[in-house]
Amino acid sequence: PWMYLLMGFGWAYLTISAARNREGIHESLTQGSLPAH
């Protein structure tokens, strides 16, 4: 049961953080060496 609790926490935290941090992700992509296209 604790494994499923931690998996649910990690899964939700990752998706919520990705959804709330679009500007940070965009800034990180522009600073990186990944081509703009």
All heavy atoms as atom14 arrays in JSON, in Angstrom:
{
  "sequence": "PWMYLLMGFGWAYLTISAARNREGIHESLTQGSLPAH",
  "atom14_mask": [
    [1, 1, 1, 1, 1, 1, 1, 0, 0, 0, 0, 0, 0, 0],
    [1, 1, 1, 1, 1, 1, 1, 1, 1, 1, 1, 1, 1, 1],
    [1, 1, 1, 1, 1, 1, 1, 1, 0, 0, 0, 0, 0, 0],
    [1, 1, 1, 1, 1, 1, 1, 1, 1, 1, 1, 1, 0, 0],
    [1, 1, 1, 1, 1, 1, 1, 1, 0, 0, 0, 0, 0, 0],
    [1, 1, 1, 1, 1, 1, 1, 1, 0, 0, 0, 0, 0, 0],
    [1, 1, 1, 1, 1, 1, 1, 1, 0, 0, 0, 0, 0, 0],
    [1, 1, 1, 1, 0, 0, 0, 0, 0, 0, 0, 0, 0, 0],
    [1, 1, 1, 1, 1, 1, 1, 1, 1, 1, 1, 0, 0, 0],
    [1, 1, 1, 1, 0, 0, 0, 0, 0, 0, 0, 0, 0, 0],
    [1, 1, 1, 1, 1, 1, 1, 1, 1, 1, 1, 1, 1, 1],
    [1, 1, 1, 1, 1, 0, 0, 0, 0, 0, 0, 0, 0, 0],
    [1, 1, 1, 1, 1, 1, 1, 1, 1, 1, 1, 1, 0, 0],
    [1, 1, 1, 1, 1, 1, 1, 1, 0, 0, 0, 0, 0, 0],
    [1, 1, 1, 1, 1, 1, 1, 0, 0, 0, 0, 0, 0, 0],
    [1, 1, 1, 1, 1, 1, 1, 1, 0, 0, 0, 0, 0, 0],
    [1, 1, 1, 1, 1, 1, 0, 0, 0, 0, 0, 0, 0, 0],
    [1, 1, 1, 1, 1, 0, 0, 0, 0, 0, 0, 0, 0, 0],
    [1, 1, 1, 1, 1, 0, 0, 0, 0, 0, 0, 0, 0, 0],
    [1, 1, 1, 1, 1, 1, 1, 1, 1, 1, 1, 0, 0, 0],
    [1, 1, 1, 1, 1, 1, 1, 1, 0, 0, 0, 0, 0, 0],
    [1, 1, 1, 1, 1, 1, 1, 1, 1, 1, 1, 0, 0, 0],
    [1, 1, 1, 1, 1, 1, 1, 1, 1, 0, 0, 0, 0, 0],
    [1, 1, 1, 1, 0, 0, 0, 0, 0, 0, 0, 0, 0, 0],
    [1, 1, 1, 1, 1, 1, 1, 1, 0, 0, 0, 0, 0, 0],
    [1, 1, 1, 1, 1, 1, 1, 1, 1, 1, 0, 0, 0, 0],
    [1, 1, 1, 1, 1, 1, 1, 1, 1, 0, 0, 0, 0, 0],
    [1, 1, 1, 1, 1, 1, 0, 0, 0, 0, 0, 0, 0, 0],
    [1, 1, 1, 1, 1, 1, 1, 1, 0, 0, 0, 0, 0, 0],
    [1, 1, 1, 1, 1, 1, 1, 0, 0, 0, 0, 0, 0, 0],
    [1, 1, 1, 1, 1, 1, 1, 1, 1, 0, 0, 0, 0, 0],
    [1, 1, 1, 1, 0, 0, 0, 0, 0, 0, 0, 0, 0, 0],
    [1, 1, 1, 1, 1, 1, 0, 0, 0, 0, 0, 0, 0, 0],
    [1, 1, 1, 1, 1, 1, 1, 1, 0, 0, 0, 0, 0, 0],
    [1, 1, 1, 1, 1, 1, 1, 0, 0, 0, 0, 0, 0, 0],
    [1, 1, 1, 1, 1, 0, 0, 0, 0, 0, 0, 0, 0, 0],
    [1, 1, 1, 1, 1, 1, 1, 1, 1, 1, 0, 0, 0, 0]
  ],
  "atom14_positions": [
    [[0.8, -1.22, 0.0], [0.0, 0.0, 0.0], [0.84, 1.28, 0.0], [0.47, 2.27, -0.63], [-0.82, -0.1, 1.28], [-0.05, -1.02, 2.16], [0.65, -1.98, 1.24], [0.0, 0.0, 0.0], [0.0, 0.0, 0.0], [0.0, 0.0, 0.0], [0.0, 0.0, 0.0], [0.0, 0.0, 0.0], [0.0, 0.0, 0.0], [0.0, 0.0, 0.0]],
    [[2.0, 1.28, 0.66], [2.83, 2.48, 0.7], [3.47, 2.76, -0.65], [3.7, 3.91, -1.01], [3.89, 2.36, 1.79], [3.3, 2.39, 3.15], [3.09, 1.34, 3.99], [2.77, 3.54, 3.83], [2.48, 1.77, 5.14], [2.28, 3.11, 5.06], [2.67, 4.88, 3.5], [1.7, 3.97, 5.97], [2.1, 5.74, 4.4], [1.63, 5.28, 5.62]],
    [[3.76, 1.69, -1.4], [4.34, 1.88, -2.72], [3.34, 2.6, -3.64], [3.71, 3.52, -4.37], [4.72, 0.54, -3.34], [5.35, 0.67, -4.71], [5.66, -0.9, -5.51], [4.01, -1.42, -5.9], [0.0, 0.0, 0.0], [0.0, 0.0, 0.0], [0.0, 0.0, 0.0], [0.0, 0.0, 0.0], [0.0, 0.0, 0.0], [0.0, 0.0, 0.0]],
    [[2.07, 2.21, -3.57], [1.06, 2.86, -4.41], [0.82, 4.3, -3.96], [0.58, 5.18, -4.79], [-0.24, 2.07, -4.39], [-0.13, 0.82, -5.22], [-0.01, -0.43, -4.62], [-0.12, 0.87, -6.6], [0.11, -1.57, -5.37], [0.0, -0.26, -7.37], [0.12, -1.48, -6.74], [0.25, -2.61, -7.49], [0.0, 0.0, 0.0], [0.0, 0.0, 0.0]],
    [[0.91, 4.56, -2.67], [0.77, 5.93, -2.18], [1.91, 6.81, -2.7], [1.67, 7.92, -3.19], [0.76, 5.93, -0.65], [0.58, 7.29, 0.01], [-0.89, 7.65, 0.04], [1.14, 7.27, 1.4], [0.0, 0.0, 0.0], [0.0, 0.0, 0.0], [0.0, 0.0, 0.0], [0.0, 0.0, 0.0], [0.0, 0.0, 0.0], [0.0, 0.0, 0.0]],
    [[3.14, 6.3, -2.64], [4.28, 7.07, -3.13], [4.24, 7.22, -4.65], [4.62, 8.28, -5.18], [5.59, 6.41, -2.69], [5.88, 6.48, -1.2], [7.13, 5.67, -0.86], [6.03, 7.91, -0.75], [0.0, 0.0, 0.0], [0.0, 0.0, 0.0], [0.0, 0.0, 0.0], [0.0, 0.0, 0.0], [0.0, 0.0, 0.0], [0.0, 0.0, 0.0]],
    [[3.8, 6.19, -5.36], [3.67, 6.3, -6.82], [2.64, 7.35, -7.19], [2.85, 8.13, -8.12], [3.29, 4.94, -7.42], [4.44, 3.98, -7.53], [3.98, 2.34, -8.13], [2.99, 2.68, -9.54], [0.0, 0.0, 0.0], [0.0, 0.0, 0.0], [0.0, 0.0, 0.0], [0.0, 0.0, 0.0], [0.0, 0.0, 0.0], [0.0, 0.0, 0.0]],
    [[1.52, 7.36, -6.51], [0.49, 8.36, -6.78], [0.98, 9.75, -6.48], [0.7, 10.7, -7.22], [0.0, 0.0, 0.0], [0.0, 0.0, 0.0], [0.0, 0.0, 0.0], [0.0, 0.0, 0.0], [0.0, 0.0, 0.0], [0.0, 0.0, 0.0], [0.0, 0.0, 0.0], [0.0, 0.0, 0.0], [0.0, 0.0, 0.0], [0.0, 0.0, 0.0]],
    [[1.73, 9.9, -5.39], [2.28, 11.21, -5.04], [3.26, 11.68, -6.11], [3.18, 12.81, -6.59], [2.97, 11.14, -3.68], [3.56, 12.45, -3.25], [2.78, 13.39, -2.62], [4.9, 12.73, -3.48], [3.31, 14.6, -2.22], [5.45, 13.93, -3.09], [4.65, 14.87, -2.46], [0.0, 0.0, 0.0], [0.0, 0.0, 0.0], [0.0, 0.0, 0.0]],
    [[4.18, 10.81, -6.51], [5.17, 11.19, -7.52], [4.54, 11.5, -8.86], [4.91, 12.47, -9.54], [0.0, 0.0, 0.0], [0.0, 0.0, 0.0], [0.0, 0.0, 0.0], [0.0, 0.0, 0.0], [0.0, 0.0, 0.0], [0.0, 0.0, 0.0], [0.0, 0.0, 0.0], [0.0, 0.0, 0.0], [0.0, 0.0, 0.0], [0.0, 0.0, 0.0]],
    [[3.59, 10.67, -9.26], [2.9, 10.87, -10.54], [2.16, 12.21, -10.54], [2.3, 13.0, -11.48], [1.96, 9.7, -10.77], [0.86, 9.91, -11.74], [0.97, 10.29, -13.05], [-0.53, 9.75, -11.49], [-0.27, 10.36, -13.62], [-1.2, 10.04, -12.68], [-1.27, 9.38, -10.37], [-2.58, 9.98, -12.79], [-2.64, 9.31, -10.49], [-3.28, 9.61, -11.68]],
    [[1.4, 12.48, -9.51], [0.63, 13.73, -9.47], [1.54, 14.94, -9.31], [1.3, 15.97, -9.93], [-0.38, 13.66, -8.32], [0.0, 0.0, 0.0], [0.0, 0.0, 0.0], [0.0, 0.0, 0.0], [0.0, 0.0, 0.0], [0.0, 0.0, 0.0], [0.0, 0.0, 0.0], [0.0, 0.0, 0.0], [0.0, 0.0, 0.0], [0.0, 0.0, 0.0]],
    [[2.58, 14.83, -8.5], [3.49, 15.96, -8.31], [4.19, 16.31, -9.62], [4.35, 17.48, -9.96], [4.49, 15.65, -7.21], [5.27, 16.86, -6.74], [4.69, 17.76, -5.86], [6.55, 17.11, -7.19], [5.37, 18.88, -5.43], [7.24, 18.23, -6.77], [6.64, 19.11, -5.89], [7.32, 20.22, -5.47], [0.0, 0.0, 0.0], [0.0, 0.0, 0.0]],
    [[4.6, 15.3, -10.37], [5.25, 15.53, -11.66], [4.31, 16.21, -12.64], [4.68, 17.2, -13.28], [5.76, 14.21, -12.23], [6.33, 14.29, -13.64], [7.72, 14.88, -13.6], [6.34, 12.93, -14.27], [0.0, 0.0, 0.0], [0.0, 0.0, 0.0], [0.0, 0.0, 0.0], [0.0, 0.0, 0.0], [0.0, 0.0, 0.0], [0.0, 0.0, 0.0]],
    [[3.1, 15.71, -12.75], [2.16, 16.28, -13.73], [1.72, 17.68, -13.31], [1.6, 18.57, -14.16], [0.95, 15.38, -13.92], [0.33, 15.11, -12.67], [1.33, 14.07, -14.58], [0.0, 0.0, 0.0], [0.0, 0.0, 0.0], [0.0, 0.0, 0.0], [0.0, 0.0, 0.0], [0.0, 0.0, 0.0], [0.0, 0.0, 0.0], [0.0, 0.0, 0.0]],
    [[1.48, 17.9, -12.04], [1.07, 19.24, -11.6], [2.21, 20.23, -11.78], [2.0, 21.37, -12.23], [0.58, 19.2, -10.13], [-0.73, 18.42, -10.02], [0.39, 20.6, -9.58], [-1.16, 18.14, -8.6], [0.0, 0.0, 0.0], [0.0, 0.0, 0.0], [0.0, 0.0, 0.0], [0.0, 0.0, 0.0], [0.0, 0.0, 0.0], [0.0, 0.0, 0.0]],
    [[3.43, 19.81, -11.47], [4.58, 20.71, -11.65], [4.79, 21.03, -13.12], [5.1, 22.17, -13.48], [5.84, 20.07, -11.08], [5.7, 19.89, -9.7], [0.0, 0.0, 0.0], [0.0, 0.0, 0.0], [0.0, 0.0, 0.0], [0.0, 0.0, 0.0], [0.0, 0.0, 0.0], [0.0, 0.0, 0.0], [0.0, 0.0, 0.0], [0.0, 0.0, 0.0]],
    [[4.63, 20.04, -13.99], [4.78, 20.29, -15.43], [3.68, 21.21, -15.94], [3.92, 22.06, -16.81], [4.77, 18.97, -16.2], [0.0, 0.0, 0.0], [0.0, 0.0, 0.0], [0.0, 0.0, 0.0], [0.0, 0.0, 0.0], [0.0, 0.0, 0.0], [0.0, 0.0, 0.0], [0.0, 0.0, 0.0], [0.0, 0.0, 0.0], [0.0, 0.0, 0.0]],
    [[2.49, 21.06, -15.42], [1.37, 21.9, -15.88], [1.51, 23.34, -15.39], [1.13, 24.27, -16.1], [0.05, 21.31, -15.39], [0.0, 0.0, 0.0], [0.0, 0.0, 0.0], [0.0, 0.0, 0.0], [0.0, 0.0, 0.0], [0.0, 0.0, 0.0], [0.0, 0.0, 0.0], [0.0, 0.0, 0.0], [0.0, 0.0, 0.0], [0.0, 0.0, 0.0]],
    [[2.05, 23.53, -14.21], [2.14, 24.87, -13.64], [3.39, 25.63, -14.06], [3.47, 26.84, -13.86], [2.12, 24.78, -12.11], [0.8, 24.32, -11.56], [0.86, 24.23, -10.09], [1.21, 25.54, -9.53], [0.81, 25.99, -8.37], [0.07, 25.23, -7.63], [1.17, 27.17, -7.94], [0.0, 0.0, 0.0], [0.0, 0.0, 0.0], [0.0, 0.0, 0.0]],
    [[4.37, 24.96, -14.64], [5.67, 25.59, -14.89], [5.99, 25.67, -16.38], [7.1, 25.37, -16.81], [6.77, 24.82, -14.16], [8.04, 25.59, -14.03], [8.06, 26.79, -14.25], [9.11, 24.9, -13.7], [0.0, 0.0, 0.0], [0.0, 0.0, 0.0], [0.0, 0.0, 0.0], [0.0, 0.0, 0.0], [0.0, 0.0, 0.0], [0.0, 0.0, 0.0]],
    [[5.03, 26.09, -17.2], [5.26, 26.16, -18.65], [6.33, 27.2, -18.98], [7.18, 26.96, -19.84], [3.96, 26.52, -19.37], [4.08, 26.45, -20.87], [2.83, 26.95, -21.56], [2.7, 26.69, -22.94], [3.53, 27.02, -23.9], [4.66, 27.61, -23.61], [3.29, 26.77, -25.16], [0.0, 0.0, 0.0], [0.0, 0.0, 0.0], [0.0, 0.0, 0.0]],
    [[6.33, 28.34, -18.32], [7.32, 29.38, -18.6], [8.73, 28.9, -18.25], [9.68, 29.17, -18.98], [7.0, 30.67, -17.83], [5.71, 31.35, -18.25], [4.48, 30.72, -17.59], [4.65, 30.06, -16.54], [3.4, 30.87, -18.14], [0.0, 0.0, 0.0], [0.0, 0.0, 0.0], [0.0, 0.0, 0.0], [0.0, 0.0, 0.0], [0.0, 0.0, 0.0]],
    [[8.86, 28.23, -17.14], [10.17, 27.71, -16.74], [10.69, 26.67, -17.72], [11.89, 26.64, -18.03], [0.0, 0.0, 0.0], [0.0, 0.0, 0.0], [0.0, 0.0, 0.0], [0.0, 0.0, 0.0], [0.0, 0.0, 0.0], [0.0, 0.0, 0.0], [0.0, 0.0, 0.0], [0.0, 0.0, 0.0], [0.0, 0.0, 0.0], [0.0, 0.0, 0.0]],
    [[9.81, 25.82, -18.2], [10.22, 24.81, -19.17], [10.62, 25.49, -20.48], [11.64, 25.13, -21.09], [9.08, 23.79, -19.39], [8.85, 22.98, -18.11], [9.4, 22.86, -20.55], [7.61, 22.13, -18.13], [0.0, 0.0, 0.0], [0.0, 0.0, 0.0], [0.0, 0.0, 0.0], [0.0, 0.0, 0.0], [0.0, 0.0, 0.0], [0.0, 0.0, 0.0]],
    [[9.86, 26.49, -20.89], [10.19, 27.21, -22.13], [11.54, 27.93, -21.99], [12.37, 27.89, -22.91], [9.08, 28.21, -22.48], [9.32, 28.96, -23.74], [9.32, 28.34, -24.97], [9.62, 30.26, -23.96], [9.58, 29.23, -25.9], [9.76, 30.42, -25.31], [0.0, 0.0, 0.0], [0.0, 0.0, 0.0], [0.0, 0.0, 0.0], [0.0, 0.0, 0.0]],
    [[11.76, 28.56, -20.86], [13.04, 29.25, -20.62], [14.2, 28.26, -20.62], [15.26, 28.53, -21.19], [12.98, 29.99, -19.29], [14.23, 30.76, -18.95], [14.11, 31.44, -17.6], [13.0, 31.86, -17.23], [15.15, 31.55, -16.93], [0.0, 0.0, 0.0], [0.0, 0.0, 0.0], [0.0, 0.0, 0.0], [0.0, 0.0, 0.0], [0.0, 0.0, 0.0]],
    [[14.0, 27.1, -20.01], [15.04, 26.08, -19.97], [15.34, 25.56, -21.38], [16.51, 25.31, -21.73], [14.62, 24.94, -19.07], [15.57, 23.91, -19.09], [0.0, 0.0, 0.0], [0.0, 0.0, 0.0], [0.0, 0.0, 0.0], [0.0, 0.0, 0.0], [0.0, 0.0, 0.0], [0.0, 0.0, 0.0], [0.0, 0.0, 0.0], [0.0, 0.0, 0.0]],
    [[14.3, 25.4, -22.19], [14.52, 24.93, -23.56], [15.26, 25.96, -24.4], [16.1, 25.6, -25.24], [13.18, 24.58, -24.21], [12.53, 23.28, -23.75], [11.13, 23.15, -24.33], [13.39, 22.08, -24.11], [0.0, 0.0, 0.0], [0.0, 0.0, 0.0], [0.0, 0.0, 0.0], [0.0, 0.0, 0.0], [0.0, 0.0, 0.0], [0.0, 0.0, 0.0]],
    [[14.95, 27.24, -24.21], [15.65, 28.27, -24.99], [17.11, 28.42, -24.57], [17.96, 28.75, -25.38], [14.94, 29.64, -24.86], [14.84, 29.99, -23.49], [13.58, 29.61, -25.5], [0.0, 0.0, 0.0], [0.0, 0.0, 0.0], [0.0, 0.0, 0.0], [0.0, 0.0, 0.0], [0.0, 0.0, 0.0], [0.0, 0.0, 0.0], [0.0, 0.0, 0.0]],
    [[17.43, 28.14, -23.31], [18.81, 28.21, -22.84], [19.61, 26.98, -23.25], [20.83, 27.03, -23.33], [18.86, 28.35, -21.32], [18.38, 29.67, -20.82], [18.35, 29.71, -19.3], [18.68, 28.74, -18.63], [17.96, 30.85, -18.75], [0.0, 0.0, 0.0], [0.0, 0.0, 0.0], [0.0, 0.0, 0.0], [0.0, 0.0, 0.0], [0.0, 0.0, 0.0]],
    [[18.93, 25.86, -23.49], [19.61, 24.63, -23.86], [20.04, 24.63, -25.31], [19.86, 25.6, -26.06], [0.0, 0.0, 0.0], [0.0, 0.0, 0.0], [0.0, 0.0, 0.0], [0.0, 0.0, 0.0], [0.0, 0.0, 0.0], [0.0, 0.0, 0.0], [0.0, 0.0, 0.0], [0.0, 0.0, 0.0], [0.0, 0.0, 0.0], [0.0, 0.0, 0.0]],
    [[20.61, 23.5, -25.73], [21.11, 23.4, -27.1], [20.15, 22.68, -28.03], [20.52, 22.35, -29.15], [22.47, 22.7, -27.1], [22.33, 21.39, -26.59], [0.0, 0.0, 0.0], [0.0, 0.0, 0.0], [0.0, 0.0, 0.0], [0.0, 0.0, 0.0], [0.0, 0.0, 0.0], [0.0, 0.0, 0.0], [0.0, 0.0, 0.0], [0.0, 0.0, 0.0]],
    [[18.94, 22.42, -27.57], [17.94, 21.78, -28.42], [17.46, 22.78, -29.46], [17.13, 23.93, -29.12], [16.76, 21.31, -27.55], [15.72, 20.44, -28.22], [16.32, 19.09, -28.6], [14.55, 20.22, -27.29], [0.0, 0.0, 0.0], [0.0, 0.0, 0.0], [0.0, 0.0, 0.0], [0.0, 0.0, 0.0], [0.0, 0.0, 0.0], [0.0, 0.0, 0.0]],
    [[17.44, 22.4, -30.74], [17.0, 23.34, -31.77], [15.57, 23.81, -31.53], [14.74, 23.1, -30.98], [17.09, 22.52, -33.07], [18.01, 21.39, -32.76], [17.89, 21.13, -31.3], [0.0, 0.0, 0.0], [0.0, 0.0, 0.0], [0.0, 0.0, 0.0], [0.0, 0.0, 0.0], [0.0, 0.0, 0.0], [0.0, 0.0, 0.0], [0.0, 0.0, 0.0]],
    [[15.29, 25.04, -31.97], [14.0, 25.68, -31.69], [12.85, 24.95, -32.36], [11.73, 24.94, -31.83], [14.04, 27.13, -32.14], [0.0, 0.0, 0.0], [0.0, 0.0, 0.0], [0.0, 0.0, 0.0], [0.0, 0.0, 0.0], [0.0, 0.0, 0.0], [0.0, 0.0, 0.0], [0.0, 0.0, 0.0], [0.0, 0.0, 0.0], [0.0, 0.0, 0.0]],
    [[13.1, 24.3, -33.51], [11.99, 23.61, -34.18], [11.56, 22.34, -33.44], [10.5, 21.79, -33.72], [12.35, 23.3, -35.64], [13.41, 22.24, -35.79], [14.74, 22.51, -35.62], [13.31, 20.92, -36.07], [15.44, 21.39, -35.81], [14.59, 20.42, -36.08], [0.0, 0.0, 0.0], [0.0, 0.0, 0.0], [0.0, 0.0, 0.0], [0.0, 0.0, 0.0]]
  ]
}
